[in-house]
Amino acid sequence: MTVKRTTLTYGGTVYSLADADINDLKRQLLEVHTGGAPFWLRVNHGEGSYRETELLIAPGVSVAITDIDPE
């Protein structure tokens, strides 16, 4: 089974999302940064055993995303 993974850098720390649709994520981030309502994004943090973490996505918060292709 192939799992698609997206990494997200927030506050200098790298987090990951499994099976995230990169285009939906980009749309959500753009909406917030152009005047939309802030929201909590549930991500994984850590290596080996992940800890579920929620990041506040709001205007002025820098976020970088990388779509990881398992192929």
C-alpha atoms as a PDB file:
ATOM      1  CA  MET A   1       0.000   0.000   0.000  1.00  0.00           C
ATOM      2  CA  THR A   2       1.382   3.407  -0.968  1.00  0.00           C
ATOM      3  CA  VAL A   3       0.763   6.317   1.381  1.00  0.00           C
ATOM      4  CA  LYS A   4       1.127   9.827   0.066  1.00  0.00           C
ATOM      5  CA  ARG A   5       2.613  12.253   2.561  1.00  0.00           C
ATOM      6  CA  THR A   6       2.751  16.020   2.709  1.00  0.00           C
ATOM      7  CA  THR A   7       5.165  17.863   4.959  1.00  0.00           C
ATOM      8  CA  LEU A   8       4.401  21.258   6.394  1.00  0.00           C
ATOM      9  CA  THR A   9       6.891  23.602   8.036  1.00  0.00           C
ATOM     10  CA  TYR A  10       5.386  25.837  10.694  1.00  0.00           C
ATOM     11  CA  GLY A  11       7.446  27.990  13.060  1.00  0.00           C
ATOM     12  CA  GLY A  12      10.624  26.248  11.883  1.00  0.00           C
ATOM     13  CA  THR A  13       9.330  22.790  12.845  1.00  0.00           C
ATOM     14  CA  VAL A  14       8.408  20.108  10.309  1.00  0.00           C
ATOM     15  CA  TYR A  15       5.052  18.341  10.595  1.00  0.00           C
ATOM     16  CA  SER A  16       3.405  15.806   8.294  1.00  0.00           C
ATOM     17  CA  LEU A  17      -0.013  14.982   6.901  1.00  0.00           C
ATOM     18  CA  ALA A  18      -0.935  11.585   5.468  1.00  0.00           C
ATOM     19  CA  ASP A  19      -3.090  11.391   2.339  1.00  0.00           C
ATOM     20  CA  ALA A  20      -3.648  15.152   2.210  1.00  0.00           C
ATOM     21  CA  ASP A  21      -4.934  16.690  -1.008  1.00  0.00           C
ATOM     22  CA  ILE A  22      -2.271  19.311  -1.736  1.00  0.00           C
ATOM     23  CA  ASN A  23      -4.647  21.461  -3.792  1.00  0.00           C
ATOM     24  CA  ASP A  24      -7.256  21.556  -1.006  1.00  0.00           C
ATOM     25  CA  LEU A  25      -4.569  22.469   1.502  1.00  0.00           C
ATOM     26  CA  LYS A  26      -3.261  25.268  -0.724  1.00  0.00           C
ATOM     27  CA  ARG A  27      -6.799  26.598  -1.164  1.00  0.00           C
ATOM     28  CA  GLN A  28      -7.411  26.601   2.606  1.00  0.00           C
ATOM     29  CA  LEU A  29      -4.114  28.385   3.294  1.00  0.00           C
ATOM     30  CA  LEU A  30      -4.774  30.990   0.611  1.00  0.00           C
ATOM     31  CA  GLU A  31      -8.287  31.659   1.930  1.00  0.00           C
ATOM     32  CA  VAL A  32      -6.950  32.407   5.406  1.00  0.00           C
ATOM     33  CA  HIS A  33      -4.171  34.649   4.122  1.00  0.00           C
ATOM     34  CA  THR A  34      -6.616  36.659   2.005  1.00  0.00           C
ATOM     35  CA  GLY A  35      -9.059  37.420   4.794  1.00  0.00           C
ATOM     36  CA  GLY A  36     -10.668  34.108   5.656  1.00  0.00           C
ATOM     37  CA  ALA A  37     -11.255  32.802   9.158  1.00  0.00           C
ATOM     38  CA  PRO A  38      -8.360  31.168  11.046  1.00  0.00           C
ATOM     39  CA  PHE A  39      -8.624  27.413  11.592  1.00  0.00           C
ATOM     40  CA  TRP A  40      -6.867  24.568  13.400  1.00  0.00           C
ATOM     41  CA  LEU A  41      -5.039  22.120  11.131  1.00  0.00           C
ATOM     42  CA  ARG A  42      -4.497  18.615  12.548  1.00  0.00           C
ATOM     43  CA  VAL A  43      -1.033  17.260  11.695  1.00  0.00           C
ATOM     44  CA  ASN A  44       1.485  14.671  12.926  1.00  0.00           C
ATOM     45  CA  HIS A  45       4.620  15.660  14.822  1.00  0.00           C
ATOM     46  CA  GLY A  46       7.685  13.555  15.539  1.00  0.00           C
ATOM     47  CA  GLU A  47       9.479  10.637  13.985  1.00  0.00           C
ATOM     48  CA  GLY A  48       8.720   7.001  14.661  1.00  0.00           C
ATOM     49  CA  SER A  49       5.723   7.448  16.921  1.00  0.00           C
ATOM     50  CA  TYR A  50       3.720  10.445  15.828  1.00  0.00           C
ATOM     51  CA  ARG A  51       1.907  12.804  18.152  1.00  0.00           C
ATOM     52  CA  GLU A  52      -1.231  14.410  16.828  1.00  0.00           C
ATOM     53  CA  THR A  53      -0.777  18.175  16.905  1.00  0.00           C
ATOM     54  CA  GLU A  54      -3.006  21.084  15.918  1.00  0.00           C
ATOM     55  CA  LEU A  55      -1.567  24.197  14.291  1.00  0.00           C
ATOM     56  CA  LEU A  56      -3.416  27.514  14.239  1.00  0.00           C
ATOM     57  CA  ILE A  57      -3.487  28.705  10.649  1.00  0.00           C
ATOM     58  CA  ALA A  58      -4.064  32.461  10.620  1.00  0.00           C
ATOM     59  CA  PRO A  59      -3.135  35.540   8.560  1.00  0.00           C
ATOM     60  CA  GLY A  60       0.534  36.448   8.918  1.00  0.00           C
ATOM     61  CA  VAL A  61       1.639  32.933   9.893  1.00  0.00           C
ATOM     62  CA  SER A  62       4.272  31.543   7.520  1.00  0.00           C
ATOM     63  CA  VAL A  63       3.652  27.998   6.315  1.00  0.00           C
ATOM     64  CA  ALA A  64       5.580  25.980   3.737  1.00  0.00           C
ATOM     65  CA  ILE A  65       4.203  22.762   2.220  1.00  0.00           C
ATOM     66  CA  THR A  66       5.962  19.984   0.327  1.00  0.00           C
ATOM     67  CA  ASP A  67       4.098  17.209  -1.469  1.00  0.00           C
ATOM     68  CA  ILE A  68       6.098  13.990  -0.991  1.00  0.00           C
ATOM     69  CA  ASP A  69       5.643  11.482  -3.849  1.00  0.00           C
ATOM     70  CA  PRO A  70       6.396   7.965  -2.612  1.00  0.00           C
ATOM     71  CA  GLU A  71       7.232   6.769  -6.128  1.00  0.00           C
END
